[in-house]
Protein backbone atom coordinates (compact mmCIF):
# COMPACT_ATOMS: atom_id res chain seq x y z
CA UNK A 1 -5.83 2.61 8.81
CA UNK A 2 -4.90 -0.41 7.35
CA UNK A 3 -1.75 -2.13 8.47
CA UNK A 4 1.63 -1.59 6.90
CA UNK A 5 2.66 -4.08 4.43
CA UNK A 6 6.45 -3.70 5.20
CA UNK A 7 8.27 -1.65 7.69
CA UNK A 8 11.45 -0.27 6.74
CA UNK A 9 14.51 -0.75 9.30
CA UNK A 10 16.38 2.38 10.67
CA UNK A 11 18.62 2.29 8.40
CA UNK A 12 18.16 2.02 4.74
CA UNK A 13 21.42 1.48 3.13
CA UNK A 14 24.27 -0.21 1.35
CA UNK A 15 24.38 -2.22 4.57
CA UNK A 16 21.00 -3.21 4.54
CA UNK A 17 19.47 -2.66 0.87
CA UNK A 18 19.71 -6.27 0.06
CA UNK A 19 17.25 -7.27 3.02
CA UNK A 20 15.08 -4.33 2.05
CA UNK A 21 15.26 -5.22 -1.63
CA UNK A 22 13.88 -8.89 -0.38
CA UNK A 23 11.21 -7.62 1.90
CA UNK A 24 9.78 -5.45 -0.69
CA UNK A 25 9.75 -7.85 -3.26
CA UNK A 26 8.03 -10.32 -0.71
CA UNK A 27 5.31 -7.60 -0.10
CA UNK A 28 4.90 -6.56 -3.87
CA UNK A 29 4.35 -10.76 -4.45
CA UNK A 30 1.43 -10.52 -2.50
CA UNK A 31 -0.60 -7.35 -3.59
CA UNK A 32 -2.31 -7.80 -6.70
CA UNK A 33 -3.89 -4.20 -7.04
CA UNK A 34 -4.30 -1.03 -4.62
CA UNK A 35 -1.22 0.11 -2.78
CA UNK A 36 2.01 -1.53 -1.08
CA UNK A 37 2.15 0.41 2.56
CA UNK A 38 5.24 0.97 3.60
CA UNK A 39 6.07 2.08 7.00
CA UNK A 40 9.00 4.61 7.09
CA UNK A 41 8.51 6.18 10.38
CA UNK A 42 11.82 4.45 12.04
CA UNK A 43 14.18 5.47 9.13
CA UNK A 44 17.09 7.84 10.28
CA UNK A 45 19.37 7.12 7.51
CA UNK A 46 18.91 6.44 4.05
CA UNK A 47 21.37 6.76 1.16
CA UNK A 48 21.82 6.68 -2.60
CA UNK A 49 21.54 2.93 -2.25
CA UNK A 50 18.36 2.69 -0.21
CA UNK A 51 16.96 5.01 -2.64
CA UNK A 52 17.86 2.94 -5.37
CA UNK A 53 16.02 -0.07 -3.51
CA UNK A 54 12.89 2.37 -3.24
CA UNK A 55 12.71 3.02 -6.97
CA UNK A 56 13.28 -0.34 -8.12
CA UNK A 57 10.29 -1.54 -5.99
CA UNK A 58 8.24 1.68 -7.39
CA UNK A 59 8.60 0.66 -10.88
CA UNK A 60 8.17 -3.21 -10.14
CA UNK A 61 5.07 -1.64 -8.16
CA UNK A 62 3.77 0.19 -10.97
CA UNK A 63 4.32 -2.26 -13.67
CA UNK A 64 2.32 -4.52 -11.76
CA UNK A 65 -0.62 -2.03 -11.21
CA UNK A 66 -0.10 -1.57 -7.92
CA UNK A 67 1.06 1.75 -6.03
CA UNK A 68 4.22 2.08 -3.61
CA UNK A 69 3.17 4.45 -0.62
CA UNK A 70 5.92 5.75 1.68
CA UNK A 71 4.01 6.32 5.09
CA UNK A 72 5.17 8.60 8.18
CA UNK A 73 8.92 9.52 7.07
CA UNK A 74 11.10 11.20 9.15
CA UNK A 75 11.43 15.05 8.26
CA UNK A 76 15.19 14.30 7.38
CA UNK A 77 13.83 11.28 5.19
CA UNK A 78 11.30 13.78 3.62
CA UNK A 79 13.71 16.19 2.88
CA UNK A 80 15.98 13.69 1.39
CA UNK A 81 12.98 12.51 -0.83
CA UNK A 82 11.96 16.21 -1.71
CA UNK A 83 15.81 17.09 -3.01
CA UNK A 84 15.68 14.38 -5.23
CA UNK A 85 12.50 14.77 -6.05
CA UNK A 86 11.16 11.60 -5.20
CA UNK A 87 8.37 12.80 -3.04
CA UNK A 88 6.30 13.24 -6.19
CA UNK A 89 6.64 9.22 -7.07
CA UNK A 90 6.90 7.93 -3.67
C-alpha cells in the first residue's frame, strides 16, 4: 500500500477548513497523474465547510487528471458522505 499524500485532522470543519484546503492544494501541486490519497481515518467531525473543501479539491484534481481518493473514513463520516451522495465521487 502506498503512503497517503494527505492526512486529515480529527475535525474537518469551519475551524480547520483553511488548513485542510492548503494541505490539499500543496498535495495536488505535487501530483500530476494517478491518485491523490487522503487518509480520513482520524476524522470525527465533518461539516458543510469541510465537505466544501473536499468537493473543491475533487474538482481541482479532476481538472488536472488526478483522482481524489478518500481512504479509511470512520462510519460516521461515511454516513455523511453517503447522505450527501459524495461517496460516489470521493
